[in-house]
Protein backbone atom coordinates (compact mmCIF):
# COMPACT_ATOMS: atom_id res chain seq x y z
CA MET A 1 -29.40 -104.47 44.28
CA LYS A 2 -30.22 -100.90 45.27
CA ILE A 3 -33.41 -99.79 47.02
CA ALA A 4 -34.75 -96.27 46.41
CA ALA A 5 -37.87 -95.16 48.25
CA VAL A 6 -40.05 -92.37 46.85
CA TYR A 7 -41.34 -90.92 50.07
CA SER A 8 -43.04 -87.80 51.37
CA ILE A 9 -44.91 -86.97 54.54
CA LYS A 10 -47.16 -84.69 52.51
CA GLY A 11 -49.63 -86.04 49.97
CA GLY A 12 -50.38 -84.59 46.54
CA VAL A 13 -46.76 -83.85 45.63
CA GLY A 14 -46.49 -86.21 42.66
CA LYS A 15 -45.03 -89.10 44.63
CA THR A 16 -46.66 -91.99 42.76
CA ALA A 17 -46.22 -90.29 39.38
CA SER A 18 -42.53 -89.91 40.14
CA ALA A 19 -42.19 -93.54 41.25
CA ILE A 20 -43.81 -94.79 38.03
CA ASN A 21 -41.84 -92.58 35.67
CA LEU A 22 -38.49 -93.09 37.39
CA ALA A 23 -39.02 -96.86 37.37
CA HIS A 24 -39.86 -96.73 33.66
CA CYS A 25 -36.79 -94.59 32.89
CA ALA A 26 -34.57 -96.95 34.86
CA ALA A 27 -35.96 -99.96 32.98
CA ASN A 28 -35.37 -98.19 29.66
CA SER A 29 -31.73 -97.66 30.63
CA GLY A 30 -31.29 -101.44 30.71
CA LEU A 31 -31.65 -102.09 34.43
CA ARG A 32 -33.89 -104.80 35.86
CA VAL A 33 -36.39 -102.90 37.97
CA LEU A 34 -38.99 -103.95 40.55
CA LEU A 35 -41.64 -101.44 41.57
CA TRP A 36 -43.11 -102.27 44.96
CA ASP A 37 -46.39 -100.52 45.64
CA LEU A 38 -46.67 -100.08 49.43
CA ASP A 39 -49.67 -97.76 49.37
CA PRO A 40 -53.05 -99.38 50.19
CA GLN A 41 -54.65 -97.07 47.62
CA ALA A 42 -52.66 -99.05 45.00
CA ALA A 43 -52.28 -96.08 42.64
CA ALA A 44 -48.98 -97.34 41.20
CA THR A 45 -50.57 -100.74 40.63
CA PHE A 46 -53.40 -99.01 38.78
CA TYR A 47 -51.02 -96.99 36.60
CA VAL A 48 -49.26 -100.10 35.26
CA ARG A 49 -52.57 -101.91 34.58
CA THR A 50 -52.10 -104.63 37.17
CA LYS A 51 -54.82 -106.15 39.32
CA PRO A 52 -54.57 -105.04 42.97
CA LYS A 53 -54.49 -108.57 44.31
CA LEU A 54 -51.88 -110.27 46.48
CA LYS A 55 -52.09 -114.02 46.90
CA GLY A 56 -52.09 -114.99 50.55
CA GLY A 57 -52.32 -111.36 51.66
CA VAL A 58 -49.61 -108.99 52.86
CA GLU A 59 -49.16 -110.76 56.22
CA LYS A 60 -48.05 -113.97 54.52
CA LEU A 61 -45.67 -111.98 52.36
CA ILE A 62 -44.02 -110.15 55.26
CA SER A 63 -43.68 -113.33 57.31
CA GLY A 64 -41.73 -114.94 54.45
CA LYS A 65 -44.26 -117.74 53.93
CA GLN A 66 -45.15 -116.51 50.46
CA ASP A 67 -42.86 -117.12 47.51
CA MET A 68 -41.96 -113.73 45.98
CA SER A 69 -41.98 -115.12 42.46
CA ARG A 70 -45.68 -115.96 42.86
CA VAL A 71 -46.73 -112.43 43.78
CA ILE A 72 -44.51 -110.35 41.47
CA ARG A 73 -46.19 -109.44 38.18
CA SER A 74 -44.69 -108.45 34.87
CA THR A 75 -45.82 -105.25 33.16
CA ASP A 76 -46.18 -104.11 29.56
CA TYR A 77 -42.68 -102.65 29.73
CA GLN A 78 -39.42 -104.52 29.29
CA ASN A 79 -37.27 -104.93 32.43
CA LEU A 80 -40.04 -103.57 34.68
CA ASP A 81 -41.98 -105.77 37.13
CA VAL A 82 -44.39 -104.77 39.88
CA LEU A 83 -45.21 -106.12 43.30
CA PRO A 84 -48.84 -104.97 43.48
CA ALA A 85 -50.60 -103.49 46.46
CA GLU A 86 -54.08 -104.20 47.71
CA PHE A 87 -56.33 -102.86 50.41
CA SER A 88 -54.87 -105.31 52.96
CA TYR A 89 -51.76 -103.12 52.98
CA ARG A 90 -53.63 -100.88 55.42
CA ASN A 91 -52.59 -103.43 58.09
CA LEU A 92 -48.90 -103.15 57.32
CA ASP A 93 -48.19 -100.85 60.25
CA HIS A 94 -49.60 -103.33 62.73
CA ILE A 95 -47.83 -106.27 61.11
CA LEU A 96 -44.45 -104.53 61.17
CA GLU A 97 -44.65 -103.24 64.72
CA GLU A 98 -43.09 -106.41 66.14
CA GLU A 99 -40.58 -106.79 63.33
CA LYS A 100 -37.03 -105.52 63.14
CA ARG A 101 -36.37 -102.36 61.16
CA THR A 102 -34.78 -104.20 58.26
CA ARG A 103 -37.67 -106.59 57.67
CA LEU A 104 -38.56 -105.13 54.26
CA ARG A 105 -35.02 -105.68 53.00
CA LYS A 106 -35.15 -109.29 54.20
CA VAL A 107 -38.43 -109.80 52.37
CA LEU A 108 -36.67 -108.72 49.18
CA LYS A 109 -33.65 -110.97 49.76
CA PRO A 110 -34.94 -113.90 47.62
CA VAL A 111 -35.04 -111.63 44.52
CA ARG A 112 -31.82 -109.75 45.25
CA ASP A 113 -30.05 -111.32 42.27
CA ASP A 114 -33.02 -110.82 39.95
CA TYR A 115 -33.14 -107.02 40.04
CA ASP A 116 -30.69 -104.13 39.91
CA LEU A 117 -33.07 -101.61 41.45
CA VAL A 118 -36.16 -101.71 43.65
CA ILE A 119 -38.31 -98.57 43.81
CA LEU A 120 -40.71 -98.30 46.74
CA ASP A 121 -43.84 -96.21 46.32
CA CYS A 122 -44.61 -95.28 49.93
CA PRO A 123 -47.80 -93.93 51.53
CA PRO A 124 -47.65 -90.36 52.92
CA SER A 125 -47.30 -90.99 56.63
CA ILE A 126 -44.87 -91.49 59.49
CA SER A 127 -45.43 -94.94 60.96
CA SER A 128 -43.88 -98.35 61.55
CA LEU A 129 -43.89 -98.87 57.79
CA SER A 130 -42.01 -95.60 57.34
CA GLU A 131 -39.31 -96.71 59.77
CA GLN A 132 -38.96 -99.97 57.85
CA VAL A 133 -38.56 -97.98 54.65
CA PHE A 134 -35.97 -95.64 56.20
CA ALA A 135 -33.92 -98.57 57.54
CA SER A 136 -34.07 -100.62 54.33
CA ALA A 137 -33.63 -97.99 51.60
CA ASP A 138 -30.31 -96.85 50.17
CA THR A 139 -31.81 -93.41 49.59
CA LEU A 140 -35.03 -91.47 50.09
CA LEU A 141 -36.24 -89.62 47.00
CA VAL A 142 -38.42 -86.87 48.43
CA PRO A 143 -40.64 -84.94 45.98
CA ILE A 144 -41.60 -81.49 47.24
CA ILE A 145 -43.61 -78.63 45.82
CA PRO A 146 -41.77 -75.28 45.90
CA THR A 147 -43.92 -73.88 48.72
CA VAL A 148 -43.23 -73.06 52.35
CA LEU A 149 -45.46 -75.86 53.71
CA SER A 150 -43.73 -78.45 51.55
CA LEU A 151 -40.33 -77.31 52.81
CA ARG A 152 -41.65 -77.59 56.35
CA THR A 153 -42.44 -81.30 55.85
CA LEU A 154 -38.87 -81.83 54.63
CA GLU A 155 -37.58 -80.31 57.85
CA GLN A 156 -39.89 -82.57 59.84
CA LEU A 157 -38.57 -85.61 58.02
CA ASN A 158 -34.95 -84.76 58.77
CA ALA A 159 -35.77 -84.10 62.41
CA TYR A 160 -37.51 -87.47 62.68
CA LEU A 161 -34.58 -89.33 61.09
CA ALA A 162 -32.25 -87.74 63.63
CA GLU A 163 -34.62 -88.67 66.44
CA ILE A 164 -34.72 -92.38 65.55
CA ASP A 165 -31.00 -92.35 64.71
CA LEU A 166 -31.22 -93.42 61.08
CA ASP A 167 -28.66 -92.00 58.69
CA VAL A 168 -30.30 -92.58 55.31
CA PRO A 169 -29.45 -90.12 52.49
CA VAL A 170 -32.32 -87.75 51.69
CA TRP A 171 -32.39 -86.48 48.09
CA PRO A 172 -35.18 -83.93 47.67
CA PHE A 173 -36.36 -82.78 44.25
CA PHE A 174 -39.04 -80.35 43.14
CA THR A 175 -42.26 -81.27 41.38
CA LEU A 176 -45.17 -79.21 40.00
CA VAL A 177 -42.76 -76.35 39.36
CA ASP A 178 -44.06 -73.18 37.71
CA ARG A 179 -41.04 -71.07 36.78
CA ARG A 180 -43.27 -68.07 36.12
CA LYS A 181 -43.98 -67.76 39.84
CA THR A 182 -41.49 -65.75 41.83
CA LEU A 183 -42.29 -67.75 44.97
CA HIS A 184 -41.35 -71.02 43.26
CA LYS A 185 -38.04 -69.63 42.07
CA ASP A 186 -37.21 -68.17 45.48
CA VAL A 187 -38.01 -71.42 47.31
CA MET A 188 -35.93 -73.45 44.88
CA GLU A 189 -32.95 -71.16 45.35
CA SER A 190 -33.22 -71.24 49.15
CA LEU A 191 -33.24 -75.05 49.27
CA LYS A 192 -29.87 -75.29 47.51
CA GLN A 193 -28.18 -73.56 50.41
CA ASP A 194 -29.70 -75.78 53.13
CA TYR A 195 -29.71 -79.16 51.33
CA PRO A 196 -26.54 -79.85 49.34
CA LEU A 197 -27.89 -83.31 48.41
CA GLN A 198 -30.81 -81.77 46.56
CA LEU A 199 -31.21 -83.19 43.06
CA SER A 200 -30.70 -80.58 40.36
CA GLY A 201 -33.49 -81.92 38.18
CA PHE A 202 -37.10 -80.87 38.73
CA ILE A 203 -40.47 -81.74 37.24
CA PRO A 204 -42.46 -78.84 35.73
CA TYR A 205 -46.16 -78.39 36.25
CA SER A 206 -48.01 -79.83 33.24
CA SER A 207 -51.36 -81.35 32.38
CA VAL A 208 -49.40 -84.20 30.77
CA VAL A 209 -48.72 -85.56 34.27
CA GLU A 210 -52.44 -85.56 35.02
CA ARG A 211 -53.10 -87.52 31.84
CA MET A 212 -51.33 -90.50 33.38
CA GLY A 213 -54.57 -91.38 35.15
CA ILE A 214 -56.38 -91.54 31.82
CA GLU A 215 -53.66 -93.25 29.81
CA ARG A 216 -52.58 -95.51 32.70
CA LYS A 217 -49.06 -95.37 31.31
CA PRO A 218 -45.73 -93.69 32.11
CA ILE A 219 -45.42 -90.28 30.46
CA GLY A 220 -42.59 -91.42 28.22
CA THR A 221 -44.89 -93.86 26.43
CA PHE A 222 -47.59 -91.42 25.30
CA SER A 223 -45.80 -88.03 25.33
CA ARG A 224 -42.11 -88.79 24.98
CA ASN A 225 -40.98 -85.30 23.97
CA SER A 226 -43.05 -83.42 26.53
CA SER A 227 -41.28 -81.35 29.17
CA PRO A 228 -42.16 -83.71 32.08
CA ALA A 229 -40.96 -86.77 30.16
CA VAL A 230 -37.62 -85.14 29.34
CA SER A 231 -37.29 -83.93 32.95
CA TYR A 232 -37.91 -87.39 34.39
CA ARG A 233 -35.27 -88.90 32.10
CA SER A 234 -32.78 -86.24 33.19
CA LEU A 235 -33.70 -86.75 36.85
CA TRP A 236 -33.22 -90.50 36.57
CA GLN A 237 -29.77 -90.07 35.04
CA GLU A 238 -28.72 -88.04 38.05
CA ILE A 239 -30.18 -90.57 40.49
CA GLY A 240 -28.69 -93.53 38.63
CA GLN A 241 -25.22 -92.02 38.73
CA ARG A 242 -25.47 -91.28 42.44
CA LEU A 243 -26.47 -94.89 43.06
CA SER A 244 -23.56 -96.06 40.88
CA LEU A 245 -26.01 -97.80 38.54
CA LEU A 246 -25.17 -95.68 35.51
CA LYS A 247 -21.90 -94.62 33.97
CA GLU A 248 -20.71 -91.02 33.76
CA PRO A 249 -21.47 -89.17 30.87
CA THR A 250 -24.85 -87.82 31.90
CA VAL A 251 -27.80 -87.51 29.60
CA ALA A 252 -28.55 -84.21 31.22
CA SER A 253 -25.37 -82.75 29.74
CA ALA A 254 -25.83 -84.49 26.38
CA PRO A 255 -27.97 -81.72 24.83
CA ALA A 256 -25.40 -79.11 25.84
CA ALA A 257 -22.64 -81.29 24.44
CA ALA A 258 -24.59 -81.70 21.22
CA LYS A 259 -25.07 -77.95 20.92
CA ALA A 260 -21.40 -77.36 21.64
CA ALA A 261 -20.45 -79.90 19.02
CA GLU A 262 -22.80 -78.28 16.52
CA ALA A 263 -21.39 -74.84 17.28
CA GLU A 264 -17.89 -76.19 16.95
CA SER A 265 -18.69 -77.73 13.60
CA THR A 266 -20.17 -74.49 12.31
CA VAL A 267 -17.06 -72.59 13.37
CA THR A 268 -14.48 -75.06 12.14
CA ALA A 269 -16.17 -75.83 8.83
CA PRO A 270 -15.41 -72.44 7.19
CA GLN A 271 -11.87 -72.58 8.53
CA GLY A 272 -11.46 -76.01 7.05
CA ALA A 273 -12.90 -74.79 3.76
CA ALA A 274 -10.54 -71.82 3.75
CA THR A 275 -7.66 -74.08 4.56
CA GLY A 276 -8.70 -76.38 1.75
CA LYS A 277 -8.88 -73.48 -0.68
CA ALA A 278 -5.51 -72.18 0.48
CA SER A 279 -3.95 -75.59 0.12
CA ALA A 280 -5.51 -75.93 -3.33
CA LYS A 281 -4.09 -72.56 -4.34
CA GLY A 282 -0.71 -73.49 -2.90
CA GLU A 283 -0.78 -76.77 -4.77
CA ALA A 284 -1.68 -75.04 -8.00
CA ALA A 285 1.07 -72.49 -7.44
CA SER A 286 3.58 -75.24 -6.77
CA LYS A 287 2.48 -76.99 -9.94
CA SER A 288 2.82 -73.80 -11.98
CA VAL A 289 6.30 -73.23 -10.60
CA ALA A 290 7.30 -76.84 -11.12
CA LYS A 291 6.34 -76.98 -14.78
CA PRO A 292 8.93 -74.41 -16.09
CA ALA A 293 11.54 -75.98 -13.89
CA SER A 294 10.86 -79.37 -15.45
CA LYS A 295 11.02 -77.93 -18.97
CA GLU A 296 14.28 -76.14 -18.26
CA ALA A 297 15.70 -79.25 -16.72
CA SER A 298 14.73 -81.29 -19.79
CA SER A 299 16.27 -78.73 -22.16
CA LYS A 300 19.52 -78.60 -20.17
CA PRO A 301 20.67 -82.10 -19.28
CA ALA A 302 23.88 -80.75 -17.71
CA ALA A 303 21.81 -79.05 -14.99
CA LYS A 304 20.35 -82.32 -13.75
CA PRO A 305 21.71 -83.62 -10.42
CA ALA A 306 24.32 -86.27 -10.56
CA GLY A 307 22.98 -89.74 -9.92
CA LYS A 308 22.66 -93.20 -11.32
CA ALA A 309 20.40 -92.07 -14.11
CA ALA A 310 22.67 -89.15 -14.95
CA SER A 311 25.77 -91.32 -15.01
CA SER A 312 24.04 -93.87 -17.20
CA LYS A 313 23.08 -91.18 -19.67
CA LYS A 314 26.55 -89.58 -19.77
CA ALA A 315 28.29 -92.88 -20.60
CA PRO A 316 26.59 -93.37 -23.95
CA SER A 317 27.26 -89.75 -24.92
CA ALA A 318 30.96 -90.22 -24.16
CA ASP A 319 31.01 -93.35 -26.33
CA LYS A 320 29.28 -91.68 -29.21
CA LYS A 321 31.64 -88.66 -29.40
CA PRO A 322 34.81 -90.65 -30.24
CA ALA A 323 32.79 -92.63 -32.75
CA SER A 324 31.68 -89.44 -34.45
CA LYS A 325 35.31 -88.19 -34.58
CA ASP A 326 36.55 -91.46 -36.19
CA SER A 327 33.81 -91.36 -38.72
CA ALA A 328 34.64 -87.74 -39.51
CA SER A 329 38.33 -88.54 -40.04
CA LYS A 330 37.41 -91.49 -42.23
CA ASP A 331 35.12 -89.29 -44.27
CA ALA A 332 37.89 -86.67 -44.56
CA SER A 333 40.39 -89.27 -45.72
CA LYS A 334 37.89 -90.60 -48.20
CA ASP A 335 37.30 -87.11 -49.52
CA SER A 336 41.02 -86.41 -49.75
CA SER A 337 41.65 -89.68 -51.60
CA LYS A 338 38.82 -88.93 -53.95
CA ALA A 339 40.24 -85.48 -54.59
CA THR A 340 43.71 -86.93 -55.24
CA SER A 341 42.37 -89.51 -57.66
CA LYS A 342 40.36 -86.88 -59.47
CA SER A 343 43.38 -84.58 -59.77
CA ALA A 344 45.52 -87.49 -61.01
CA ALA A 345 42.96 -88.34 -63.60
CA LYS A 346 42.85 -84.75 -64.78
CA GLY A 347 46.63 -84.73 -64.96
CA LYS A 348 46.67 -87.87 -67.03
CA LYS A 349 44.05 -86.47 -69.31
CA LYS A 350 45.96 -83.25 -69.74
CA GLY A 351 49.17 -85.13 -70.25
CA GLY A 352 47.60 -87.32 -72.94
CA ASN A 353 46.48 -84.37 -74.88
CA LEU A 354 49.91 -82.88 -74.82
CA GLY A 355 51.41 -86.16 -75.92
CA ASP A 356 48.98 -86.39 -78.82
């Protein structure tokens, strides 16, 4: 089971929207996903149409006295469950102050075999809860707006992680991106140089994201082909591969591969057609050449190659020739005998006349 925390010190950067949509994309890829809403505002709980109520309260849950299966709720989406938040989560900092840093991971231990991925939707603050998140998560997914102030909070986060000696991977990604703005493009380019772990995917600014509050659904369910929906799917593929939860061909490269394949088919098709025509012409030419050869061969048996068939044909011809000679000699002898008899008869007739 992997734990990915969507975290940002700064509010209003699309943190909860990213947690919801990434969880939905992960569930659609076939993974068993648990979304844990850690924010007392319970925005993620609201988005998935779940009541913000936790039986026994958050203190009972953290202490391990509450059975996780009794507080986890299913959603309208296959493979996606939610551990809802409620207003009592505002006391989490005080509850976790006396706990070890890895307490959140231990709370999730009973459901470790039930889920492939846990996504934490974290409140925008640095506190005892934040330290628990940093110590328990396998990665921090940090949404940032391409502005100077947003980059400053990223620097503050890295400085704080170094201060408390926690080496958790930080994977920043941009949200609310407007590519028409020069400032946004410049900030995005500058981050690549300083943060090699930056995710290549980004979420564009769009009113579709704001509609989530009205629809109370992930973007992929009500606007599947919109730019934000496609971007979140691409972003999840990159995250899933880094977490070793998805296999390597990436969906992000699939459109390019499809275009390349289409281009390749358009190039090779005429060549194949030309080759087919050439082969057809060659076949026709070979047929036209073969026909006279076959006729000539049939008219001249002597030109045929020696073989079993040839030897079998020559034998009868050799037998017939002597037979024809014998018959000719017999006919000649018959003719000669007939001629002799006729001449003898004439001689007798002539001799009779003389005798008379």
